[in-house]
């Protein structure tokens, strides 16, 4: 199991589904652990009742059905499926509305979904998901990428309230895939994933949603900076070393 998880951490996100399927065939006894621990590129389904799309993941799945955050119904229909409590469902609805605004401001479109459910420690867990298809045929507005996808998964464990203070534990994963194929830049493919975790104890005077939103905003800023430095920074450094700009080559050439 440890070797399998190590392998999955090194697999590009676009090949995750194929690699996971192969591991499930090889290790059927660890299927539940693999499915719960391996983050896969997010898939989307349309809620015909609300007319909106929602994101599929392990956190809104029961058997082969997925719960829509908009209508609170499973697709395909499933009897006796788990549902959040009325109080938590009210918070879930509000979170989806607020997170849609956050998504439009930071991502200029895309799809978002928020799911919440009770845990065993008198608290609850919230999952915030964003999927942005940046390809020419998707949500990309600039048309630079042949293919492009940004999948963000934020899972927050919210502990019980103690004297007005609550412990929040956020685990965030971002999967990025970029592909270009044109005359100016040529063919280029870059993909990878990054995961980070942070914990905070905050007052609930402003509400859970405000606290969780601040943590996600801070974490996404850190993740974007890390991706910029690790993926784009290192790639740019390697390209410039192997293929220095023409101006730099001319400067280094001795006078004849």
Protein backbone atom coordinates (compact mmCIF):
# COMPACT_ATOMS: atom_id res chain seq x y z
CA UNK A 1 0.00 0.00 0.00
CA UNK A 2 2.86 2.39 0.82
CA UNK A 3 4.52 1.66 -2.53
CA UNK A 4 1.21 2.19 -4.34
CA UNK A 5 0.69 5.59 -2.69
CA UNK A 6 4.27 6.56 -3.54
CA UNK A 7 3.63 5.66 -7.17
CA UNK A 8 0.39 7.65 -7.31
CA UNK A 9 2.14 10.75 -5.94
CA UNK A 10 4.48 10.66 -8.94
CA UNK A 11 1.87 10.01 -11.64
CA UNK A 12 0.81 13.06 -13.71
CA UNK A 13 -2.82 14.01 -12.95
CA UNK A 14 -3.96 13.26 -16.51
CA UNK A 15 -2.87 9.62 -16.05
CA UNK A 16 -4.19 9.21 -12.50
CA UNK A 17 -7.42 7.47 -13.47
CA UNK A 18 -5.62 4.87 -15.62
CA UNK A 19 -2.98 4.20 -12.97
CA UNK A 20 -5.56 3.94 -10.19
CA UNK A 21 -7.64 1.47 -12.21
CA UNK A 22 -4.55 -0.71 -12.68
CA UNK A 23 -3.72 -0.59 -8.96
CA UNK A 24 -7.29 -1.53 -8.02
CA UNK A 25 -6.94 -4.60 -10.22
CA UNK A 26 -3.61 -5.53 -8.64
CA UNK A 27 -4.62 -4.69 -5.05
CA UNK A 28 -8.36 -5.36 -4.68
CA UNK A 29 -7.96 -5.80 -0.91
CA UNK A 30 -6.86 -2.15 -0.65
CA UNK A 31 -9.55 -0.73 -2.95
CA UNK A 32 -11.34 1.29 -0.25
CA UNK A 33 -8.07 2.84 1.00
CA UNK A 34 -6.92 3.71 -2.52
CA UNK A 35 -10.21 5.29 -3.49
CA UNK A 36 -10.35 7.38 -0.31
CA UNK A 37 -6.70 8.51 -0.30
CA UNK A 38 -5.95 9.11 -3.99
CA UNK A 39 -7.18 12.42 -5.39
CA UNK A 40 -8.41 12.09 -8.96
CA UNK A 41 -9.12 14.82 -11.53
CA UNK A 42 -12.62 16.09 -10.86
CA UNK A 43 -15.57 15.06 -13.02
CA UNK A 44 -18.78 17.03 -13.64
CA UNK A 45 -22.45 16.06 -13.86
CA UNK A 46 -25.51 18.14 -14.70
CA UNK A 47 -28.40 18.49 -12.24
CA UNK A 48 -31.44 18.53 -14.51
CA UNK A 49 -33.75 19.82 -11.77
CA UNK A 50 -31.72 22.94 -11.02
CA UNK A 51 -30.14 23.27 -14.46
CA UNK A 52 -26.68 23.60 -12.90
CA UNK A 53 -23.54 21.47 -13.08
CA UNK A 54 -21.95 19.99 -9.97
CA UNK A 55 -18.65 18.26 -9.25
CA UNK A 56 -18.34 14.55 -8.54
CA UNK A 57 -15.99 13.24 -5.86
CA UNK A 58 -15.75 10.70 -3.07
CA UNK A 59 -17.33 13.15 -0.64
CA UNK A 60 -20.75 13.30 -2.33
CA UNK A 61 -20.85 9.69 -3.53
CA UNK A 62 -22.87 6.81 -2.16
CA UNK A 63 -22.67 3.55 -4.11
CA UNK A 64 -22.78 4.71 -7.76
CA UNK A 65 -24.86 7.84 -7.10
CA UNK A 66 -23.73 11.40 -6.46
CA UNK A 67 -25.56 14.07 -4.44
CA UNK A 68 -26.09 17.46 -6.05
CA UNK A 69 -25.46 20.45 -3.75
CA UNK A 70 -28.12 22.42 -5.62
CA UNK A 71 -31.15 20.11 -5.31
CA UNK A 72 -29.80 17.87 -2.52
CA UNK A 73 -30.84 14.84 -4.61
CA UNK A 74 -28.79 11.87 -5.77
CA UNK A 75 -28.10 11.15 -9.43
CA UNK A 76 -29.13 8.52 -10.34
CA UNK A 77 -31.81 8.35 -7.59
CA UNK A 78 -30.86 6.33 -4.52
CA UNK A 79 -33.14 5.27 -1.67
CA UNK A 80 -32.11 5.78 1.97
CA UNK A 81 -29.02 7.73 0.93
CA UNK A 82 -27.24 9.80 3.62
CA UNK A 83 -28.19 13.46 3.89
CA UNK A 84 -26.77 16.34 5.96
CA UNK A 85 -28.83 17.57 8.89
CA UNK A 86 -31.21 20.52 8.20
CA UNK A 87 -28.88 22.92 10.01
CA UNK A 88 -25.82 21.72 8.12
CA UNK A 89 -27.72 21.68 4.84
CA UNK A 90 -28.60 25.37 5.37
CA UNK A 91 -24.90 26.16 5.85
CA UNK A 92 -24.06 24.08 2.75
CA UNK A 93 -26.49 26.04 0.57
CA UNK A 94 -25.04 29.35 1.77
CA UNK A 95 -21.49 28.09 1.22
CA UNK A 96 -22.26 27.12 -2.39
CA UNK A 97 -23.65 30.58 -3.13
CA UNK A 98 -20.67 32.37 -1.57
CA UNK A 99 -18.09 30.03 -3.10
CA UNK A 100 -19.57 30.58 -6.59
CA UNK A 101 -18.82 34.30 -6.18
CA UNK A 102 -15.28 33.50 -4.99
CA UNK A 103 -14.80 31.23 -8.02
CA UNK A 104 -15.88 33.89 -10.51
CA UNK A 105 -13.66 36.54 -8.93
CA UNK A 106 -10.51 34.42 -8.75
CA UNK A 107 -10.98 32.00 -11.67
CA UNK A 108 -13.11 33.97 -14.13
CA UNK A 109 -15.57 31.11 -14.41
CA UNK A 110 -15.41 27.37 -13.91
CA UNK A 111 -17.51 25.07 -11.74
CA UNK A 112 -17.61 24.88 -7.94
CA UNK A 113 -19.35 22.68 -5.40
CA UNK A 114 -19.41 22.53 -1.60
CA UNK A 115 -20.42 19.46 0.42
CA UNK A 116 -20.80 19.09 4.17
CA UNK A 117 -21.47 16.17 6.47
CA UNK A 118 -21.31 15.35 10.17
CA UNK A 119 -18.35 13.53 11.69
CA UNK A 120 -18.06 11.38 14.80
CA UNK A 121 -16.52 14.10 17.00
CA UNK A 122 -19.58 16.37 17.29
CA UNK A 123 -18.19 18.58 14.53
CA UNK A 124 -18.50 18.44 10.77
CA UNK A 125 -16.42 18.22 7.59
CA UNK A 126 -16.70 20.53 4.59
CA UNK A 127 -15.33 19.93 1.11
CA UNK A 128 -14.85 22.87 -1.27
CA UNK A 129 -14.20 21.95 -4.92
CA UNK A 130 -13.27 24.03 -7.95
CA UNK A 131 -12.78 22.82 -11.50
CA UNK A 132 -11.56 25.21 -14.19
CA UNK A 133 -11.25 23.99 -17.77
CA UNK A 134 -8.80 26.44 -19.34
CA UNK A 135 -8.75 24.89 -22.81
CA UNK A 136 -9.91 26.71 -25.93
CA UNK A 137 -13.14 24.73 -25.96
CA UNK A 138 -13.76 25.01 -22.21
CA UNK A 139 -13.87 27.91 -19.75
CA UNK A 140 -10.65 29.49 -21.01
CA UNK A 141 -11.24 33.09 -22.08
CA UNK A 142 -7.86 33.79 -23.64
CA UNK A 143 -7.50 30.74 -25.88
CA UNK A 144 -3.79 30.16 -25.25
CA UNK A 145 -4.02 26.50 -24.22
CA UNK A 146 -4.83 23.47 -26.32
CA UNK A 147 -5.74 21.70 -23.08
CA UNK A 148 -5.73 23.04 -19.56
CA UNK A 149 -7.29 22.04 -16.24
CA UNK A 150 -7.10 23.27 -12.66
CA UNK A 151 -8.71 21.01 -10.03
CA UNK A 152 -8.71 22.26 -6.44
CA UNK A 153 -9.89 20.15 -3.50
CA UNK A 154 -10.15 21.73 -0.03
CA UNK A 155 -11.28 19.52 2.85
CA UNK A 156 -11.80 21.21 6.22
CA UNK A 157 -12.34 19.30 9.47
CA UNK A 158 -14.27 21.51 11.90
CA UNK A 159 -14.07 20.51 15.56
CA UNK A 160 -16.67 21.12 18.27
CA UNK A 161 -16.95 24.60 19.74
CA UNK A 162 -15.19 25.17 23.07
CA UNK A 163 -15.69 28.55 24.76
CA UNK A 164 -16.30 30.25 21.42
CA UNK A 165 -13.17 28.77 19.81
CA UNK A 166 -13.11 26.09 17.10
CA UNK A 167 -10.22 24.10 15.69
CA UNK A 168 -10.07 23.96 11.87
CA UNK A 169 -7.82 21.57 9.93
CA UNK A 170 -7.55 22.26 6.19
CA UNK A 171 -6.06 19.83 3.66
CA UNK A 172 -5.76 21.22 0.14
CA UNK A 173 -4.81 19.55 -3.12
CA UNK A 174 -4.35 21.21 -6.49
CA UNK A 175 -3.92 19.29 -9.76
CA UNK A 176 -2.71 21.24 -12.77
CA UNK A 177 -2.46 20.22 -16.44
CA UNK A 178 -1.30 22.47 -19.30
CA UNK A 179 -0.80 21.59 -22.97
CA UNK A 180 0.05 23.94 -25.84
CA UNK A 181 0.39 23.16 -29.53
CA UNK A 182 0.90 26.15 -31.80
CA UNK A 183 3.57 27.71 -34.00
CA UNK A 184 4.75 30.36 -31.55
CA UNK A 185 5.32 28.11 -28.51
CA UNK A 186 5.44 24.66 -30.11
CA UNK A 187 4.25 21.54 -28.28
CA UNK A 188 4.51 21.71 -24.51
CA UNK A 189 3.01 19.63 -21.72
CA UNK A 190 3.19 20.35 -18.00
CA UNK A 191 1.22 18.57 -15.29
CA UNK A 192 1.54 17.89 -11.59
CA UNK A 193 -0.13 18.11 -8.21
CA UNK A 194 0.63 19.67 -4.86
CA UNK A 195 -0.84 19.09 -1.40
CA UNK A 196 -0.55 21.21 1.73
CA UNK A 197 -2.16 21.25 5.19
CA UNK A 198 -2.76 23.93 7.79
CA UNK A 199 -4.53 24.12 11.15
CA UNK A 200 -5.94 27.13 12.99
CA UNK A 201 -7.97 27.89 16.11
CA UNK A 202 -10.42 30.69 15.41
CA UNK A 203 -13.31 32.43 17.10
CA UNK A 204 -16.75 31.59 15.70
CA UNK A 205 -18.03 35.10 16.30
CA UNK A 206 -17.98 35.76 12.54
CA UNK A 207 -19.29 32.29 11.66
CA UNK A 208 -17.82 29.08 10.28
CA UNK A 209 -18.19 30.14 6.66
CA UNK A 210 -16.14 33.29 7.13
CA UNK A 211 -13.36 31.37 8.92
CA UNK A 212 -13.23 28.61 6.31
CA UNK A 213 -13.24 31.13 3.47
CA UNK A 214 -10.25 33.00 4.91
CA UNK A 215 -8.29 29.76 5.30
CA UNK A 216 -9.03 28.63 1.74
CA UNK A 217 -8.11 32.03 0.31
CA UNK A 218 -4.80 32.03 2.20
CA UNK A 219 -4.02 28.44 1.24
CA UNK A 220 -4.79 28.97 -2.45
CA UNK A 221 -2.43 31.94 -2.49
CA UNK A 222 0.36 29.77 -1.05
CA UNK A 223 -0.38 26.95 -3.50
CA UNK A 224 -0.32 29.29 -6.50
CA UNK A 225 3.01 30.72 -5.38
CA UNK A 226 4.45 27.23 -4.90
CA UNK A 227 3.27 26.11 -8.34
CA UNK A 228 4.71 29.26 -9.89
CA UNK A 229 8.11 28.71 -8.26
CA UNK A 230 8.35 24.92 -8.57
CA UNK A 231 6.72 24.19 -11.93
CA UNK A 232 6.92 27.36 -13.98
CA UNK A 233 10.08 28.76 -12.37
CA UNK A 234 12.12 25.57 -12.73
CA UNK A 235 10.77 24.89 -16.22
CA UNK A 236 11.69 28.41 -17.33
CA UNK A 237 15.16 28.01 -15.83
CA UNK A 238 15.75 24.70 -17.65
CA UNK A 239 14.49 26.02 -20.99
CA UNK A 240 16.63 29.16 -20.75
CA UNK A 241 19.67 27.02 -19.88
CA UNK A 242 19.17 24.56 -22.73
CA UNK A 243 17.93 27.11 -25.24
CA UNK A 244 19.11 30.57 -24.24
CA UNK A 245 17.44 33.57 -25.91
CA UNK A 246 19.04 34.75 -29.16
CA UNK A 247 20.00 38.09 -27.61
CA UNK A 248 21.96 36.34 -24.85
CA UNK A 249 23.78 34.07 -27.30
CA UNK A 250 24.87 37.06 -29.40
CA UNK A 251 26.17 38.84 -26.32
CA UNK A 252 28.36 35.86 -25.40
CA UNK A 253 29.80 35.31 -28.89
CA UNK A 254 33.33 36.76 -29.25
CA UNK A 255 33.98 39.41 -31.90
CA UNK A 256 35.45 37.94 -35.06
